[in-house]
Amino acid sequence: MPHDAAALTATSFEAWSEALDALEQELALADELGEPDDLGELSGNDWVAPTGLGSLPPELVDRARAILDAQRATVARLEERRRDTARHLAALQTVPHMQQREAAVYLDVAG
C-alpha cells in the first residue's frame, strides 16, 4: 500500500471514529435521561451527516451496527412515550372545560 493510501486510510478511520464517538455520546445522553422532561437537555440540533469520511472501514462495521441498533431502540422508546402522551392528551380532552366567568361564582351573604 503506498504511503499516501495508508495515510488516507488512517485519516478515514480517525474521521469515522470521531463521527461514531459523537453518535455514541448523543445516545448515552438520551439513555441517561430518565424522564421525558429531561429530554430538553439534548442538543436539539438537527443532525448533519459528516462529509468527507469516505467508506466505512471494515474494523468499524460492528461498532456502527451496534450504534444503529441502539438508535433503533431509542426511537422505539421515544415512540412509546409519544403514544403514552397521545393517550394522556386524549383523556384530557374528555374533561369538560371550565368557562371563564365575568361574575363571581359565590355570593357573600354574610357580608
PDB file of N, CA and C in Angstrom:
ATOM      1  N   MET A   1       0.857  -1.173   0.000  1.00  0.00           N
ATOM      2  CA  MET A   1       0.000   0.000   0.000  1.00  0.00           C
ATOM      3  C   MET A   1       0.905   1.239   0.000  1.00  0.00           C
ATOM      4  N   PRO A   2       0.703   2.154  -0.928  1.00  0.00           N
ATOM      5  CA  PRO A   2       1.511   3.368  -0.958  1.00  0.00           C
ATOM      6  C   PRO A   2       1.301   4.191   0.312  1.00  0.00           C
ATOM      7  N   HIS A   3       2.300   4.994   0.639  1.00  0.00           N
ATOM      8  CA  HIS A   3       2.263   5.806   1.853  1.00  0.00           C
ATOM      9  C   HIS A   3       1.026   6.705   1.879  1.00  0.00           C
ATOM     10  N   ASP A   4       0.688   7.356   0.759  1.00  0.00           N
ATOM     11  CA  ASP A   4      -0.468   8.250   0.720  1.00  0.00           C
ATOM     12  C   ASP A   4      -1.766   7.492   0.979  1.00  0.00           C
ATOM     13  N   ALA A   5      -1.895   6.281   0.451  1.00  0.00           N
ATOM     14  CA  ALA A   5      -3.094   5.472   0.663  1.00  0.00           C
ATOM     15  C   ALA A   5      -3.207   5.070   2.129  1.00  0.00           C
ATOM     16  N   ALA A   6      -2.097   4.742   2.761  1.00  0.00           N
ATOM     17  CA  ALA A   6      -2.113   4.369   4.176  1.00  0.00           C
ATOM     18  C   ALA A   6      -2.511   5.565   5.033  1.00  0.00           C
ATOM     19  N   ALA A   7      -1.996   6.736   4.704  1.00  0.00           N
ATOM     20  CA  ALA A   7      -2.343   7.945   5.448  1.00  0.00           C
ATOM     21  C   ALA A   7      -3.817   8.275   5.270  1.00  0.00           C
ATOM     22  N   LEU A   8      -4.327   8.115   4.045  1.00  0.00           N
ATOM     23  CA  LEU A   8      -5.733   8.384   3.773  1.00  0.00           C
ATOM     24  C   LEU A   8      -6.617   7.407   4.546  1.00  0.00           C
ATOM     25  N   THR A   9      -6.221   6.137   4.594  1.00  0.00           N
ATOM     26  CA  THR A   9      -6.975   5.129   5.335  1.00  0.00           C
ATOM     27  C   THR A   9      -6.988   5.458   6.822  1.00  0.00           C
ATOM     28  N   ALA A  10      -5.855   5.863   7.367  1.00  0.00           N
ATOM     29  CA  ALA A  10      -5.781   6.232   8.782  1.00  0.00           C
ATOM     30  C   ALA A  10      -6.646   7.449   9.068  1.00  0.00           C
ATOM     31  N   THR A  11      -6.617   8.420   8.157  1.00  0.00           N
ATOM     32  CA  THR A  11      -7.436   9.625   8.318  1.00  0.00           C
ATOM     33  C   THR A  11      -8.913   9.264   8.273  1.00  0.00           C
ATOM     34  N   SER A  12      -9.296   8.388   7.341  1.00  0.00           N
ATOM     35  CA  SER A  12     -10.681   7.948   7.232  1.00  0.00           C
ATOM     36  C   SER A  12     -11.105   7.215   8.500  1.00  0.00           C
ATOM     37  N   PHE A  13     -10.237   6.358   9.036  1.00  0.00           N
ATOM     38  CA  PHE A  13     -10.537   5.622  10.266  1.00  0.00           C
ATOM     39  C   PHE A  13     -10.757   6.597  11.416  1.00  0.00           C
ATOM     40  N   GLU A  14      -9.873   7.579  11.549  1.00  0.00           N
ATOM     41  CA  GLU A  14      -9.997   8.574  12.619  1.00  0.00           C
ATOM     42  C   GLU A  14     -11.272   9.391  12.461  1.00  0.00           C
ATOM     43  N   ALA A  15     -11.575   9.806  11.234  1.00  0.00           N
ATOM     44  CA  ALA A  15     -12.782  10.596  10.990  1.00  0.00           C
ATOM     45  C   ALA A  15     -14.031   9.795  11.325  1.00  0.00           C
ATOM     46  N   TRP A  16     -14.045   8.530  10.886  1.00  0.00           N
ATOM     47  CA  TRP A  16     -15.191   7.684  11.197  1.00  0.00           C
ATOM     48  C   TRP A  16     -15.290   7.443  12.700  1.00  0.00           C
ATOM     49  N   SER A  17     -14.170   7.242  13.365  1.00  0.00           N
ATOM     50  CA  SER A  17     -14.169   7.028  14.816  1.00  0.00           C
ATOM     51  C   SER A  17     -14.754   8.237  15.536  1.00  0.00           C
ATOM     52  N   GLU A  18     -14.371   9.425  15.114  1.00  0.00           N
ATOM     53  CA  GLU A  18     -14.906  10.647  15.722  1.00  0.00           C
ATOM     54  C   GLU A  18     -16.401  10.785  15.468  1.00  0.00           C
ATOM     55  N   ALA A  19     -16.836  10.459  14.250  1.00  0.00           N
ATOM     56  CA  ALA A  19     -18.267  10.531  13.933  1.00  0.00           C
ATOM     57  C   ALA A  19     -19.062   9.538  14.779  1.00  0.00           C
ATOM     58  N   LEU A  20     -18.540   8.332  14.932  1.00  0.00           N
ATOM     59  CA  LEU A  20     -19.208   7.331  15.757  1.00  0.00           C
ATOM     60  C   LEU A  20     -19.176   7.717  17.230  1.00  0.00           C
ATOM     61  N   ASP A  21     -18.072   8.326  17.679  1.00  0.00           N
ATOM     62  CA  ASP A  21     -17.995   8.824  19.060  1.00  0.00           C
ATOM     63  C   ASP A  21     -19.121   9.816  19.335  1.00  0.00           C
ATOM     64  N   ALA A  22     -19.339  10.740  18.408  1.00  0.00           N
ATOM     65  CA  ALA A  22     -20.383  11.763  18.577  1.00  0.00           C
ATOM     66  C   ALA A  22     -21.763  11.111  18.662  1.00  0.00           C
ATOM     67  N   LEU A  23     -22.007  10.123  17.817  1.00  0.00           N
ATOM     68  CA  LEU A  23     -23.299   9.428  17.856  1.00  0.00           C
ATOM     69  C   LEU A  23     -23.474   8.682  19.181  1.00  0.00           C
ATOM     70  N   GLU A  24     -22.417   8.052  19.646  1.00  0.00           N
ATOM     71  CA  GLU A  24     -22.489   7.332  20.920  1.00  0.00           C
ATOM     72  C   GLU A  24     -22.727   8.291  22.085  1.00  0.00           C
ATOM     73  N   GLN A  25     -22.127   9.461  22.034  1.00  0.00           N
ATOM     74  CA  GLN A  25     -22.328  10.439  23.106  1.00  0.00           C
ATOM     75  C   GLN A  25     -23.778  10.901  23.160  1.00  0.00           C
ATOM     76  N   GLU A  26     -24.385  11.162  22.006  1.00  0.00           N
ATOM     77  CA  GLU A  26     -25.795  11.562  21.976  1.00  0.00           C
ATOM     78  C   GLU A  26     -26.686  10.444  22.500  1.00  0.00           C
ATOM     79  N   LEU A  27     -26.386   9.205  22.114  1.00  0.00           N
ATOM     80  CA  LEU A  27     -27.169   8.076  22.607  1.00  0.00           C
ATOM     81  C   LEU A  27     -27.006   7.901  24.109  1.00  0.00           C
ATOM     82  N   ALA A  28     -25.787   8.043  24.603  1.00  0.00           N
ATOM     83  CA  ALA A  28     -25.541   7.909  26.045  1.00  0.00           C
ATOM     84  C   ALA A  28     -26.311   8.975  26.810  1.00  0.00           C
ATOM     85  N   LEU A  29     -26.332  10.185  26.300  1.00  0.00           N
ATOM     86  CA  LEU A  29     -27.070  11.256  26.961  1.00  0.00           C
ATOM     87  C   LEU A  29     -28.556  10.948  26.961  1.00  0.00           C
ATOM     88  N   ALA A  30     -29.080  10.482  25.837  1.00  0.00           N
ATOM     89  CA  ALA A  30     -30.501  10.135  25.760  1.00  0.00           C
ATOM     90  C   ALA A  30     -30.837   9.009  26.727  1.00  0.00           C
ATOM     91  N   ASP A  31     -29.943   8.035  26.882  1.00  0.00           N
ATOM     92  CA  ASP A  31     -30.183   6.917  27.786  1.00  0.00           C
ATOM     93  C   ASP A  31     -30.082   7.323  29.247  1.00  0.00           C
ATOM     94  N   GLU A  32     -29.238   8.313  29.560  1.00  0.00           N
ATOM     95  CA  GLU A  32     -29.087   8.774  30.935  1.00  0.00           C
ATOM     96  C   GLU A  32     -30.298   9.544  31.408  1.00  0.00           C
ATOM     97  N   LEU A  33     -31.012  10.124  30.488  1.00  0.00           N
ATOM     98  CA  LEU A  33     -32.165  10.931  30.846  1.00  0.00           C
ATOM     99  C   LEU A  33     -33.317  10.006  31.208  1.00  0.00           C
ATOM    100  N   GLY A  34     -33.766  10.114  32.434  1.00  0.00           N
ATOM    101  CA  GLY A  34     -34.782   9.181  32.905  1.00  0.00           C
ATOM    102  C   GLY A  34     -36.198   9.580  32.567  1.00  0.00           C
ATOM    103  N   GLU A  35     -36.513  10.839  32.635  1.00  0.00           N
ATOM    104  CA  GLU A  35     -37.876  11.301  32.453  1.00  0.00           C
ATOM    105  C   GLU A  35     -38.018  12.068  31.157  1.00  0.00           C
ATOM    106  N   PRO A  36     -39.203  12.044  30.553  1.00  0.00           N
ATOM    107  CA  PRO A  36     -39.413  12.797  29.315  1.00  0.00           C
ATOM    108  C   PRO A  36     -39.074  14.282  29.445  1.00  0.00           C
ATOM    109  N   ASP A  37     -39.284  14.853  30.642  1.00  0.00           N
ATOM    110  CA  ASP A  37     -38.955  16.267  30.829  1.00  0.00           C
ATOM    111  C   ASP A  37     -37.467  16.531  30.658  1.00  0.00           C
ATOM    112  N   ASP A  38     -36.643  15.519  30.911  1.00  0.00           N
ATOM    113  CA  ASP A  38     -35.200  15.665  30.806  1.00  0.00           C
ATOM    114  C   ASP A  38     -34.715  15.751  29.369  1.00  0.00           C
ATOM    115  N   LEU A  39     -35.566  15.416  28.406  1.00  0.00           N
ATOM    116  CA  LEU A  39     -35.135  15.400  27.013  1.00  0.00           C
ATOM    117  C   LEU A  39     -34.728  16.785  26.532  1.00  0.00           C
ATOM    118  N   GLY A  40     -35.145  17.821  27.246  1.00  0.00           N
ATOM    119  CA  GLY A  40     -34.746  19.174  26.883  1.00  0.00           C
ATOM    120  C   GLY A  40     -33.251  19.391  27.000  1.00  0.00           C
ATOM    121  N   GLU A  41     -32.547  18.489  27.719  1.00  0.00           N
ATOM    122  CA  GLU A  41     -31.106  18.619  27.870  1.00  0.00           C
ATOM    123  C   GLU A  41     -30.340  18.176  26.636  1.00  0.00           C
ATOM    124  N   LEU A  42     -31.021  17.492  25.705  1.00  0.00           N
ATOM    125  CA  LEU A  42     -30.358  17.111  24.467  1.00  0.00           C
ATOM    126  C   LEU A  42     -30.097  18.354  23.648  1.00  0.00           C
ATOM    127  N   SER A  43     -29.175  18.264  22.726  1.00  0.00           N
ATOM    128  CA  SER A  43     -28.771  19.439  21.967  1.00  0.00           C
ATOM    129  C   SER A  43     -29.916  20.050  21.194  1.00  0.00           C
ATOM    130  N   GLY A  44     -30.832  19.231  20.704  1.00  0.00           N
ATOM    131  CA  GLY A  44     -31.961  19.759  19.952  1.00  0.00           C
ATOM    132  C   GLY A  44     -31.594  20.192  18.542  1.00  0.00           C
ATOM    133  N   ASN A  45     -30.342  20.096  18.192  1.00  0.00           N
ATOM    134  CA  ASN A  45     -29.916  20.471  16.849  1.00  0.00           C
ATOM    135  C   ASN A  45     -30.200  19.345  15.884  1.00  0.00           C
ATOM    136  N   ASP A  46     -30.556  19.707  14.667  1.00  0.00           N
ATOM    137  CA  ASP A  46     -30.728  18.685  13.643  1.00  0.00           C
ATOM    138  C   ASP A  46     -29.376  18.059  13.350  1.00  0.00           C
ATOM    139  N   TRP A  47     -29.375  16.756  13.191  1.00  0.00           N
ATOM    140  CA  TRP A  47     -28.141  16.051  12.894  1.00  0.00           C
ATOM    141  C   TRP A  47     -27.748  16.327  11.457  1.00  0.00           C
ATOM    142  N   VAL A  48     -26.499  16.597  11.258  1.00  0.00           N
ATOM    143  CA  VAL A  48     -25.954  16.817   9.922  1.00  0.00           C
ATOM    144  C   VAL A  48     -24.899  15.750   9.683  1.00  0.00           C
ATOM    145  N   ALA A  49     -25.083  15.022   8.614  1.00  0.00           N
ATOM    146  CA  ALA A  49     -24.131  13.951   8.305  1.00  0.00           C
ATOM    147  C   ALA A  49     -22.757  14.535   8.024  1.00  0.00           C
ATOM    148  N   PRO A  50     -21.743  13.967   8.629  1.00  0.00           N
ATOM    149  CA  PRO A  50     -20.386  14.440   8.356  1.00  0.00           C
ATOM    150  C   PRO A  50     -20.036  14.202   6.880  1.00  0.00           C
ATOM    151  N   THR A  51     -19.218  15.051   6.368  1.00  0.00           N
ATOM    152  CA  THR A  51     -18.808  14.899   4.971  1.00  0.00           C
ATOM    153  C   THR A  51     -17.350  14.491   4.914  1.00  0.00           C
ATOM    154  N   GLY A  52     -16.976  13.888   3.810  1.00  0.00           N
ATOM    155  CA  GLY A  52     -15.576  13.552   3.570  1.00  0.00           C
ATOM    156  C   GLY A  52     -15.065  12.379   4.365  1.00  0.00           C
ATOM    157  N   LEU A  53     -15.944  11.513   4.845  1.00  0.00           N
ATOM    158  CA  LEU A  53     -15.486  10.377   5.641  1.00  0.00           C
ATOM    159  C   LEU A  53     -14.945   9.245   4.791  1.00  0.00           C
ATOM    160  N   GLY A  54     -15.403   9.151   3.585  1.00  0.00           N
ATOM    161  CA  GLY A  54     -15.018   8.008   2.767  1.00  0.00           C
ATOM    162  C   GLY A  54     -15.813   6.792   3.188  1.00  0.00           C
ATOM    163  N   SER A  55     -15.381   5.645   2.735  1.00  0.00           N
ATOM    164  CA  SER A  55     -16.056   4.391   3.068  1.00  0.00           C
ATOM    165  C   SER A  55     -15.809   4.022   4.522  1.00  0.00           C
ATOM    166  N   LEU A  56     -16.808   3.382   5.117  1.00  0.00           N
ATOM    167  CA  LEU A  56     -16.671   2.915   6.492  1.00  0.00           C
ATOM    168  C   LEU A  56     -15.607   1.820   6.550  1.00  0.00           C
ATOM    169  N   PRO A  57     -14.571   2.013   7.361  1.00  0.00           N
ATOM    170  CA  PRO A  57     -13.539   0.972   7.480  1.00  0.00           C
ATOM    171  C   PRO A  57     -14.140  -0.312   8.040  1.00  0.00           C
ATOM    172  N   PRO A  58     -13.731  -1.443   7.512  1.00  0.00           N
ATOM    173  CA  PRO A  58     -14.277  -2.731   7.965  1.00  0.00           C
ATOM    174  C   PRO A  58     -14.145  -2.940   9.478  1.00  0.00           C
ATOM    175  N   GLU A  59     -13.104  -2.383  10.083  1.00  0.00           N
ATOM    176  CA  GLU A  59     -12.886  -2.546  11.527  1.00  0.00           C
ATOM    177  C   GLU A  59     -13.975  -1.861  12.357  1.00  0.00           C
ATOM    178  N   LEU A  60     -14.705  -0.921  11.743  1.00  0.00           N
ATOM    179  CA  LEU A  60     -15.723  -0.168  12.480  1.00  0.00           C
ATOM    180  C   LEU A  60     -17.145  -0.608  12.163  1.00  0.00           C
ATOM    181  N   VAL A  61     -17.297  -1.598  11.313  1.00  0.00           N
ATOM    182  CA  VAL A  61     -18.637  -2.041  10.907  1.00  0.00           C
ATOM    183  C   VAL A  61     -19.450  -2.530  12.102  1.00  0.00           C
ATOM    184  N   ASP A  62     -18.867  -3.351  12.955  1.00  0.00           N
ATOM    185  CA  ASP A  62     -19.605  -3.868  14.114  1.00  0.00           C
ATOM    186  C   ASP A  62     -20.017  -2.732  15.052  1.00  0.00           C
ATOM    187  N   ARG A  63     -19.138  -1.784  15.249  1.00  0.00           N
ATOM    188  CA  ARG A  63     -19.446  -0.641  16.111  1.00  0.00           C
ATOM    189  C   ARG A  63     -20.580   0.181  15.513  1.00  0.00           C
ATOM    190  N   ALA A  64     -20.537   0.412  14.220  1.00  0.00           N
ATOM    191  CA  ALA A  64     -21.594   1.177  13.549  1.00  0.00           C
ATOM    192  C   ALA A  64     -22.926   0.436  13.645  1.00  0.00           C
ATOM    193  N   ARG A  65     -22.907  -0.882  13.505  1.00  0.00           N
ATOM    194  CA  ARG A  65     -24.145  -1.669  13.625  1.00  0.00           C
ATOM    195  C   ARG A  65     -24.702  -1.588  15.049  1.00  0.00           C
ATOM    196  N   ALA A  66     -23.833  -1.629  16.031  1.00  0.00           N
ATOM    197  CA  ALA A  66     -24.275  -1.532  17.426  1.00  0.00           C
ATOM    198  C   ALA A  66     -24.917  -0.169  17.687  1.00  0.00           C
ATOM    199  N   ILE A  67     -24.345   0.880  17.120  1.00  0.00           N
ATOM    200  CA  ILE A  67     -24.922   2.217  17.271  1.00  0.00           C
ATOM    201  C   ILE A  67     -26.285   2.274  16.598  1.00  0.00           C
ATOM    202  N   LEU A  68     -26.386   1.694  15.412  1.00  0.00           N
ATOM    203  CA  LEU A  68     -27.662   1.669  14.707  1.00  0.00           C
ATOM    204  C   LEU A  68     -28.721   0.932  15.526  1.00  0.00           C
ATOM    205  N   ASP A  69     -28.360  -0.204  16.112  1.00  0.00           N
ATOM    206  CA  ASP A  69     -29.298  -0.951  16.959  1.00  0.00           C
ATOM    207  C   ASP A  69     -29.727  -0.116  18.162  1.00  0.00           C
ATOM    208  N   ALA A  70     -28.772   0.588  18.776  1.00  0.00           N
ATOM    209  CA  ALA A  70     -29.094   1.436  19.923  1.00  0.00           C
ATOM    210  C   ALA A  70     -29.997   2.599  19.513  1.00  0.00           C
ATOM    211  N   GLN A  71     -29.759   3.165  18.338  1.00  0.00           N
ATOM    212  CA  GLN A  71     -30.620   4.237  17.846  1.00  0.00           C
ATOM    213  C   GLN A  71     -32.039   3.725  17.632  1.00  0.00           C
ATOM    214  N   ARG A  72     -32.161   2.538  17.057  1.00  0.00           N
ATOM    215  CA  ARG A  72     -33.488   1.955  16.841  1.00  0.00           C
ATOM    216  C   ARG A  72     -34.211   1.726  18.158  1.00  0.00           C
ATOM    217  N   ALA A  73     -33.491   1.266  19.175  1.00  0.00           N
ATOM    218  CA  ALA A  73     -34.094   1.064  20.494  1.00  0.00           C
ATOM    219  C   ALA A  73     -34.544   2.397  21.092  1.00  0.00           C
ATOM    220  N   THR A  74     -33.739   3.428  20.903  1.00  0.00           N
ATOM    221  CA  THR A  74     -34.099   4.755  21.406  1.00  0.00           C
ATOM    222  C   THR A  74     -35.336   5.278  20.687  1.00  0.00           C
ATOM    223  N   VAL A  75     -35.393   5.095  19.383  1.00  0.00           N
ATOM    224  CA  VAL A  75     -36.569   5.523  18.613  1.00  0.00           C
ATOM    225  C   VAL A  75     -37.807   4.782  19.104  1.00  0.00           C
ATOM    226  N   ALA A  76     -37.690   3.482  19.349  1.00  0.00           N
ATOM    227  CA  ALA A  76     -38.826   2.699  19.832  1.00  0.00           C
ATOM    228  C   ALA A  76     -39.295   3.217  21.189  1.00  0.00           C
ATOM    229  N   ARG A  77     -38.337   3.530  22.069  1.00  0.00           N
ATOM    230  CA  ARG A  77     -38.686   4.060  23.390  1.00  0.00           C
ATOM    231  C   ARG A  77     -39.379   5.413  23.268  1.00  0.00           C
ATOM    232  N   LEU A  78     -38.879   6.270  22.390  1.00  0.00           N
ATOM    233  CA  LEU A  78     -39.491   7.581  22.206  1.00  0.00           C
ATOM    234  C   LEU A  78     -40.873   7.472  21.567  1.00  0.00           C
ATOM    235  N   GLU A  79     -41.039   6.522  20.656  1.00  0.00           N
ATOM    236  CA  GLU A  79     -42.355   6.294  20.051  1.00  0.00           C
ATOM    237  C   GLU A  79     -43.356   5.849  21.107  1.00  0.00           C
ATOM    238  N   GLU A  80     -42.933   4.992  22.024  1.00  0.00           N
ATOM    239  CA  GLU A  80     -43.825   4.558  23.104  1.00  0.00           C
ATOM    240  C   GLU A  80     -44.205   5.743  23.987  1.00  0.00           C
ATOM    241  N   ARG A  81     -43.242   6.601  24.290  1.00  0.00           N
ATOM    242  CA  ARG A  81     -43.542   7.809  25.082  1.00  0.00           C
ATOM    243  C   ARG A  81     -44.509   8.715  24.336  1.00  0.00           C
ATOM    244  N   ARG A  82     -44.330   8.822  23.015  1.00  0.00           N
ATOM    245  CA  ARG A  82     -45.239   9.645  22.217  1.00  0.00           C
ATOM    246  C   ARG A  82     -46.648   9.071  22.268  1.00  0.00           C
ATOM    247  N   ARG A  83     -46.778   7.742  22.153  1.00  0.00           N
ATOM    248  CA  ARG A  83     -48.105   7.116  22.225  1.00  0.00           C
ATOM    249  C   ARG A  83     -48.734   7.330  23.606  1.00  0.00           C
ATOM    250  N   ASP A  84     -47.925   7.195  24.667  1.00  0.00           N
ATOM    251  CA  ASP A  84     -48.439   7.444  26.022  1.00  0.00           C
ATOM    252  C   ASP A  84     -48.933   8.882  26.156  1.00  0.00           C
ATOM    253  N   THR A  85     -48.152   9.798  25.636  1.00  0.00           N
ATOM    254  CA  THR A  85     -48.544  11.211  25.705  1.00  0.00           C
ATOM    255  C   THR A  85     -49.837  11.455  24.931  1.00  0.00           C
ATOM    256  N   ALA A  86     -49.968  10.847  23.759  1.00  0.00           N
ATOM    257  CA  ALA A  86     -51.190  10.993  22.966  1.00  0.00           C
ATOM    258  C   ALA A  86     -52.394  10.439  23.730  1.00  0.00           C
ATOM    259  N   ARG A  87     -52.209   9.297  24.417  1.00  0.00           N
ATOM    260  CA  ARG A  87     -53.305   8.732  25.212  1.00  0.00           C
ATOM    261  C   ARG A  87     -53.679   9.674  26.358  1.00  0.00           C
ATOM    262  N   HIS A  88     -52.688  10.252  26.995  1.00  0.00           N
ATOM    263  CA  HIS A  88     -52.964  11.192  28.089  1.00  0.00           C
ATOM    264  C   HIS A  88     -53.692  12.428  27.575  1.00  0.00           C
ATOM    265  N   LEU A  89     -53.246  12.937  26.442  1.00  0.00           N
ATOM    266  CA  LEU A  89     -53.929  14.106  25.871  1.00  0.00           C
ATOM    267  C   LEU A  89     -55.363  13.773  25.479  1.00  0.00           C
ATOM    268  N   ALA A  90     -55.579  12.589  24.941  1.00  0.00           N
ATOM    269  CA  ALA A  90     -56.939  12.172  24.586  1.00  0.00           C
ATOM    270  C   ALA A  90     -57.813  12.094  25.836  1.00  0.00           C
ATOM    271  N   ALA A  91     -57.248  11.592  26.931  1.00  0.00           N
ATOM    272  CA  ALA A  91     -58.009  11.525  28.180  1.00  0.00           C
ATOM    273  C   ALA A  91     -58.345  12.930  28.680  1.00  0.00           C
ATOM    274  N   LEU A  92     -57.411  13.838  28.551  1.00  0.00           N
ATOM    275  CA  LEU A  92     -57.664  15.218  28.979  1.00  0.00           C
ATOM    276  C   LEU A  92     -58.754  15.884  28.153  1.00  0.00           C
ATOM    277  N   GLN A  93     -58.863  15.491  26.896  1.00  0.00           N
ATOM    278  CA  GLN A  93     -59.891  16.070  26.033  1.00  0.00           C
ATOM    279  C   GLN A  93     -61.291  15.694  26.504  1.00  0.00           C
ATOM    280  N   THR A  94     -61.419  14.634  27.287  1.00  0.00           N
ATOM    281  CA  THR A  94     -62.736  14.216  27.768  1.00  0.00           C
ATOM    282  C   THR A  94     -63.186  15.018  28.987  1.00  0.00           C
ATOM    283  N   VAL A  95     -62.277  15.752  29.607  1.00  0.00           N
ATOM    284  CA  VAL A  95     -62.615  16.559  30.777  1.00  0.00           C
ATOM    285  C   VAL A  95     -63.280  17.849  30.294  1.00  0.00           C
ATOM    286  N   PRO A  96     -64.475  18.152  30.838  1.00  0.00           N
ATOM    287  CA  PRO A  96     -65.142  19.384  30.410  1.00  0.00           C
ATOM    288  C   PRO A  96     -64.294  20.613  30.748  1.00  0.00           C
ATOM    289  N   HIS A  97     -64.333  21.566  29.858  1.00  0.00           N
ATOM    290  CA  HIS A  97     -63.591  22.808  30.070  1.00  0.00           C
ATOM    291  C   HIS A  97     -64.366  23.736  30.997  1.00  0.00           C
ATOM    292  N   MET A  98     -63.635  24.401  31.837  1.00  0.00           N
ATOM    293  CA  MET A  98     -64.250  25.419  32.690  1.00  0.00           C
ATOM    294  C   MET A  98     -64.435  26.678  31.854  1.00  0.00           C
ATOM    295  N   GLN A  99     -65.562  27.298  31.997  1.00  0.00           N
ATOM    296  CA  GLN A  99     -65.801  28.537  31.275  1.00  0.00           C
ATOM    297  C   GLN A  99     -65.335  29.704  32.136  1.00  0.00           C
ATOM    298  N   GLN A 100     -64.752  30.681  31.487  1.00  0.00           N
ATOM    299  CA  GLN A 100     -64.374  31.900  32.196  1.00  0.00           C
ATOM    300  C   GLN A 100     -65.657  32.659  32.545  1.00  0.00           C
ATOM    301  N   ARG A 101     -65.772  33.061  33.779  1.00  0.00           N
ATOM    302  CA  ARG A 101     -66.962  33.799  34.203  1.00  0.00           C
ATOM    303  C   ARG A 101     -66.555  35.215  34.560  1.00  0.00           C
ATOM    304  N   GLU A 102     -67.380  36.141  34.154  1.00  0.00           N
ATOM    305  CA  GLU A 102     -67.100  37.542  34.491  1.00  0.00           C
ATOM    306  C   GLU A 102     -67.668  37.901  35.853  1.00  0.00           C
ATOM    307  N   ALA A 103     -68.636  37.140  36.321  1.00  0.00           N
ATOM    308  CA  ALA A 103     -69.238  37.408  37.628  1.00  0.00           C
ATOM    309  C   ALA A 103     -68.699  36.423  38.631  1.00  0.00           C
ATOM    310  N   ALA A 104     -68.809  36.760  39.895  1.00  0.00           N
ATOM    311  CA  ALA A 104     -68.367  35.876  40.954  1.00  0.00           C
ATOM    312  C   ALA A 104     -69.203  34.601  40.960  1.00  0.00           C
ATOM    313  N   VAL A 105     -68.582  33.526  41.334  1.00  0.00           N
ATOM    314  CA  VAL A 105     -69.285  32.238  41.374  1.00  0.00           C
ATOM    315  C   VAL A 105     -70.072  32.122  42.671  1.00  0.00           C
ATOM    316  N   TYR A 106     -69.547  32.675  43.763  1.00  0.00           N
ATOM    317  CA  TYR A 106     -70.193  32.572  45.065  1.00  0.00           C
ATOM    318  C   TYR A 106     -70.754  33.928  45.474  1.00  0.00           C
ATOM    319  N   LEU A 107     -71.836  33.883  46.218  1.00  0.00           N
ATOM    320  CA  LEU A 107     -72.468  35.101  46.713  1.00  0.00           C
ATOM    321  C   LEU A 107     -72.157  35.202  48.202  1.00  0.00           C
ATOM    322  N   ASP A 108     -71.566  36.316  48.620  1.00  0.00           N
ATOM    323  CA  ASP A 108     -71.228  36.515  50.019  1.00  0.00           C
ATOM    324  C   ASP A 108     -72.461  37.066  50.721  1.00  0.00           C
ATOM    325  N   VAL A 109     -73.141  36.205  51.454  1.00  0.00           N
ATOM    326  CA  VAL A 109     -74.366  36.623  52.143  1.00  0.00           C
ATOM    327  C   VAL A 109     -74.101  37.057  53.576  1.00  0.00           C
ATOM    328  N   ALA A 110     -72.891  36.742  54.072  1.00  0.00           N
ATOM    329  CA  ALA A 110     -72.577  37.092  55.454  1.00  0.00           C
ATOM    330  C   ALA A 110     -72.067  38.514  55.548  1.00  0.00           C
ATOM    331  N   GLY A 111     -71.615  39.072  54.453  1.00  0.00           N
ATOM    332  CA  GLY A 111     -71.239  40.471  54.479  1.00  0.00           C
ATOM    333  C   GLY A 111     -69.830  40.687  54.524  1.00  0.00           C
TER     334      GLY A 111
END
